[in-house]
Amino acid sequence: METTILRIKKIISEKLDVNCNMDEVTPETSLLEDGIGLDSISIVNFIVMVEKEFDISFSEEDLNMDMFSNLTKICDAIDAKQN
């Protein structure tokens, strides 16, 4: 999971239009307004980037707001798709 978190942190800090660096993002960091502050368009962009990075595809049923509550939960979702 640690490698997955590092890859996600890299996406957030280098590819999304957010004002944070990798060191500011922890496994407990929320991707939503109470954390990084992704809006609906940024979340869609993030999902697309994650799907490309990990060569997975999320269905509508897979996606829910709880999944974005922190990096650990998005990592769990990615791991579930890869297995």
N, C-alpha and C. Protein backbone atom coordinates (compact mmCIF):
# COMPACT_ATOMS: atom_id res chain seq x y z
N MET A 1 0.82 -1.20 0.00
CA MET A 1 0.00 0.00 0.00
C MET A 1 0.86 1.26 0.00
N GLU A 2 2.05 1.18 0.59
CA GLU A 2 2.90 2.36 0.68
C GLU A 2 3.29 2.87 -0.71
N THR A 3 3.59 1.96 -1.62
CA THR A 3 3.91 2.37 -2.99
C THR A 3 2.71 3.02 -3.65
N THR A 4 1.53 2.48 -3.41
CA THR A 4 0.31 3.06 -3.98
C THR A 4 0.11 4.48 -3.46
N ILE A 5 0.29 4.66 -2.18
CA ILE A 5 0.15 6.01 -1.58
C ILE A 5 1.15 6.98 -2.20
N LEU A 6 2.38 6.56 -2.39
CA LEU A 6 3.38 7.44 -3.00
C LEU A 6 2.98 7.82 -4.42
N ARG A 7 2.46 6.87 -5.18
CA ARG A 7 2.04 7.16 -6.55
C ARG A 7 0.85 8.13 -6.56
N ILE A 8 -0.06 7.97 -5.62
CA ILE A 8 -1.21 8.88 -5.53
C ILE A 8 -0.74 10.27 -5.10
N LYS A 9 0.16 10.33 -4.14
CA LYS A 9 0.69 11.62 -3.70
C LYS A 9 1.36 12.35 -4.86
N LYS A 10 2.04 11.61 -5.71
CA LYS A 10 2.70 12.21 -6.87
C LYS A 10 1.66 12.78 -7.84
N ILE A 11 0.58 12.05 -8.07
CA ILE A 11 -0.50 12.55 -8.93
C ILE A 11 -1.05 13.85 -8.36
N ILE A 12 -1.34 13.85 -7.06
CA ILE A 12 -1.93 15.03 -6.42
C ILE A 12 -0.99 16.23 -6.51
N SER A 13 0.26 16.03 -6.16
CA SER A 13 1.19 17.16 -6.07
C SER A 13 1.70 17.63 -7.42
N GLU A 14 1.76 16.73 -8.42
CA GLU A 14 2.37 17.11 -9.69
C GLU A 14 1.37 17.31 -10.83
N LYS A 15 0.23 16.66 -10.76
CA LYS A 15 -0.67 16.69 -11.91
C LYS A 15 -1.99 17.41 -11.68
N LEU A 16 -2.40 17.52 -10.43
CA LEU A 16 -3.65 18.23 -10.13
C LEU A 16 -3.35 19.69 -9.82
N ASP A 17 -4.32 20.53 -10.06
CA ASP A 17 -4.16 21.96 -9.81
C ASP A 17 -4.51 22.26 -8.35
N VAL A 18 -3.63 21.81 -7.45
CA VAL A 18 -3.80 22.06 -6.02
C VAL A 18 -2.51 22.66 -5.48
N ASN A 19 -2.63 23.39 -4.42
CA ASN A 19 -1.47 24.03 -3.83
C ASN A 19 -0.94 23.23 -2.66
N CYS A 20 -0.31 22.09 -2.98
CA CYS A 20 0.32 21.30 -1.94
C CYS A 20 1.44 20.49 -2.56
N ASN A 21 2.35 20.06 -1.71
CA ASN A 21 3.42 19.19 -2.20
C ASN A 21 3.28 17.82 -1.55
N MET A 22 4.09 16.89 -1.98
CA MET A 22 3.96 15.50 -1.50
C MET A 22 4.09 15.39 0.00
N ASP A 23 4.95 16.21 0.60
CA ASP A 23 5.18 16.13 2.04
C ASP A 23 3.96 16.54 2.86
N GLU A 24 3.09 17.36 2.28
CA GLU A 24 1.90 17.83 2.99
C GLU A 24 0.76 16.81 2.95
N VAL A 25 0.87 15.82 2.08
CA VAL A 25 -0.20 14.84 1.91
C VAL A 25 0.14 13.59 2.70
N THR A 26 -0.73 13.23 3.64
CA THR A 26 -0.54 12.03 4.46
C THR A 26 -1.62 11.00 4.12
N PRO A 27 -1.48 9.76 4.57
CA PRO A 27 -2.52 8.76 4.31
C PRO A 27 -3.89 9.15 4.87
N GLU A 28 -3.92 10.02 5.86
CA GLU A 28 -5.17 10.45 6.48
C GLU A 28 -5.76 11.70 5.81
N THR A 29 -5.03 12.29 4.89
CA THR A 29 -5.48 13.52 4.23
C THR A 29 -6.73 13.27 3.40
N SER A 30 -7.73 14.08 3.62
CA SER A 30 -8.95 14.01 2.82
C SER A 30 -8.70 14.68 1.47
N LEU A 31 -9.30 14.12 0.44
CA LEU A 31 -9.19 14.73 -0.88
C LEU A 31 -10.24 15.82 -1.08
N LEU A 32 -11.20 15.86 -0.19
CA LEU A 32 -12.33 16.78 -0.33
C LEU A 32 -12.05 18.11 0.35
N GLU A 33 -13.09 18.89 0.54
CA GLU A 33 -12.96 20.27 1.04
C GLU A 33 -12.26 20.39 2.38
N ASP A 34 -12.38 19.40 3.25
CA ASP A 34 -11.74 19.51 4.56
C ASP A 34 -10.28 19.06 4.53
N GLY A 35 -9.75 18.81 3.34
CA GLY A 35 -8.35 18.41 3.19
C GLY A 35 -7.72 19.15 2.02
N ILE A 36 -7.46 18.42 0.94
CA ILE A 36 -6.84 19.01 -0.24
C ILE A 36 -7.79 19.98 -0.93
N GLY A 37 -9.08 19.70 -0.86
CA GLY A 37 -10.05 20.63 -1.42
C GLY A 37 -10.41 20.40 -2.87
N LEU A 38 -10.39 19.15 -3.31
CA LEU A 38 -10.78 18.87 -4.70
C LEU A 38 -12.26 19.16 -4.91
N ASP A 39 -12.57 19.85 -6.00
CA ASP A 39 -13.97 20.06 -6.36
C ASP A 39 -14.40 18.95 -7.30
N SER A 40 -15.63 19.00 -7.79
CA SER A 40 -16.16 17.90 -8.60
C SER A 40 -15.36 17.68 -9.88
N ILE A 41 -14.92 18.74 -10.51
CA ILE A 41 -14.13 18.60 -11.75
C ILE A 41 -12.76 18.01 -11.43
N SER A 42 -12.14 18.46 -10.35
CA SER A 42 -10.85 17.92 -9.95
C SER A 42 -10.95 16.45 -9.58
N ILE A 43 -12.04 16.05 -8.95
CA ILE A 43 -12.22 14.65 -8.60
C ILE A 43 -12.31 13.79 -9.85
N VAL A 44 -13.06 14.26 -10.85
CA VAL A 44 -13.15 13.52 -12.11
C VAL A 44 -11.76 13.39 -12.75
N ASN A 45 -11.02 14.48 -12.80
CA ASN A 45 -9.66 14.44 -13.33
C ASN A 45 -8.77 13.49 -12.55
N PHE A 46 -8.90 13.52 -11.23
CA PHE A 46 -8.13 12.64 -10.37
C PHE A 46 -8.46 11.17 -10.66
N ILE A 47 -9.74 10.86 -10.80
CA ILE A 47 -10.15 9.49 -11.09
C ILE A 47 -9.54 9.02 -12.41
N VAL A 48 -9.60 9.86 -13.43
CA VAL A 48 -9.02 9.51 -14.73
C VAL A 48 -7.52 9.25 -14.61
N MET A 49 -6.83 10.10 -13.88
CA MET A 49 -5.38 9.93 -13.69
C MET A 49 -5.06 8.66 -12.93
N VAL A 50 -5.84 8.36 -11.90
CA VAL A 50 -5.63 7.13 -11.13
C VAL A 50 -5.87 5.91 -12.01
N GLU A 51 -6.95 5.94 -12.79
CA GLU A 51 -7.24 4.81 -13.67
C GLU A 51 -6.10 4.58 -14.66
N LYS A 52 -5.54 5.64 -15.20
CA LYS A 52 -4.40 5.50 -16.13
C LYS A 52 -3.16 5.00 -15.41
N GLU A 53 -2.87 5.60 -14.28
CA GLU A 53 -1.65 5.26 -13.53
C GLU A 53 -1.63 3.78 -13.12
N PHE A 54 -2.79 3.28 -12.70
CA PHE A 54 -2.85 1.92 -12.16
C PHE A 54 -3.47 0.92 -13.13
N ASP A 55 -3.80 1.38 -14.34
CA ASP A 55 -4.38 0.53 -15.38
C ASP A 55 -5.62 -0.21 -14.85
N ILE A 56 -6.53 0.57 -14.28
CA ILE A 56 -7.78 0.04 -13.75
C ILE A 56 -8.93 0.89 -14.28
N SER A 57 -10.14 0.45 -14.00
CA SER A 57 -11.32 1.23 -14.38
C SER A 57 -12.36 1.10 -13.28
N PHE A 58 -12.83 2.25 -12.81
CA PHE A 58 -13.87 2.28 -11.79
C PHE A 58 -15.23 2.37 -12.47
N SER A 59 -16.18 1.58 -12.00
CA SER A 59 -17.55 1.71 -12.47
C SER A 59 -18.26 2.74 -11.60
N GLU A 60 -19.43 3.15 -12.02
CA GLU A 60 -20.20 4.11 -11.22
C GLU A 60 -20.50 3.55 -9.84
N GLU A 61 -20.72 2.24 -9.77
CA GLU A 61 -21.03 1.61 -8.48
C GLU A 61 -19.83 1.63 -7.54
N ASP A 62 -18.62 1.65 -8.10
CA ASP A 62 -17.41 1.68 -7.28
C ASP A 62 -17.20 3.03 -6.60
N LEU A 63 -17.67 4.09 -7.23
CA LEU A 63 -17.37 5.44 -6.78
C LEU A 63 -18.38 5.94 -5.76
N ASN A 64 -17.86 6.43 -4.64
CA ASN A 64 -18.70 7.07 -3.63
C ASN A 64 -17.84 8.08 -2.89
N MET A 65 -18.47 8.99 -2.23
CA MET A 65 -17.74 10.07 -1.56
C MET A 65 -16.85 9.56 -0.43
N ASP A 66 -17.22 8.45 0.19
CA ASP A 66 -16.41 7.89 1.27
C ASP A 66 -15.03 7.47 0.74
N MET A 67 -14.99 7.05 -0.52
CA MET A 67 -13.74 6.62 -1.13
C MET A 67 -12.71 7.75 -1.14
N PHE A 68 -13.16 8.99 -1.15
CA PHE A 68 -12.26 10.13 -1.22
C PHE A 68 -12.03 10.78 0.15
N SER A 69 -12.50 10.13 1.20
CA SER A 69 -12.35 10.72 2.53
C SER A 69 -10.89 10.75 2.99
N ASN A 70 -10.05 9.84 2.48
CA ASN A 70 -8.61 9.92 2.73
C ASN A 70 -7.85 9.02 1.75
N LEU A 71 -6.55 9.16 1.73
CA LEU A 71 -5.74 8.40 0.78
C LEU A 71 -5.77 6.91 1.04
N THR A 72 -5.88 6.52 2.29
CA THR A 72 -5.94 5.10 2.61
C THR A 72 -7.14 4.44 1.95
N LYS A 73 -8.28 5.11 1.96
CA LYS A 73 -9.49 4.53 1.35
C LYS A 73 -9.38 4.45 -0.16
N ILE A 74 -8.79 5.44 -0.80
CA ILE A 74 -8.62 5.35 -2.25
C ILE A 74 -7.63 4.26 -2.59
N CYS A 75 -6.61 4.07 -1.75
CA CYS A 75 -5.64 2.98 -1.95
C CYS A 75 -6.32 1.63 -1.83
N ASP A 76 -7.21 1.50 -0.84
CA ASP A 76 -7.97 0.25 -0.68
C ASP A 76 -8.80 -0.04 -1.93
N ALA A 77 -9.41 1.00 -2.48
CA ALA A 77 -10.24 0.82 -3.68
C ALA A 77 -9.38 0.41 -4.88
N ILE A 78 -8.20 1.00 -4.99
CA ILE A 78 -7.29 0.66 -6.08
C ILE A 78 -6.83 -0.78 -5.92
N ASP A 79 -6.41 -1.15 -4.70
CA ASP A 79 -5.97 -2.52 -4.45
C ASP A 79 -7.04 -3.54 -4.75
N ALA A 80 -8.29 -3.21 -4.41
CA ALA A 80 -9.40 -4.13 -4.68
C ALA A 80 -9.58 -4.32 -6.18
N LYS A 81 -9.40 -3.26 -6.95
CA LYS A 81 -9.54 -3.34 -8.42
C LYS A 81 -8.38 -4.14 -9.04
N GLN A 82 -7.21 -4.06 -8.45
CA GLN A 82 -6.05 -4.75 -9.00
C GLN A 82 -6.04 -6.24 -8.67
N ASN A 83 -6.76 -6.62 -7.65
CA ASN A 83 -6.77 -8.05 -7.23
C ASN A 83 -7.95 -8.79 -7.76
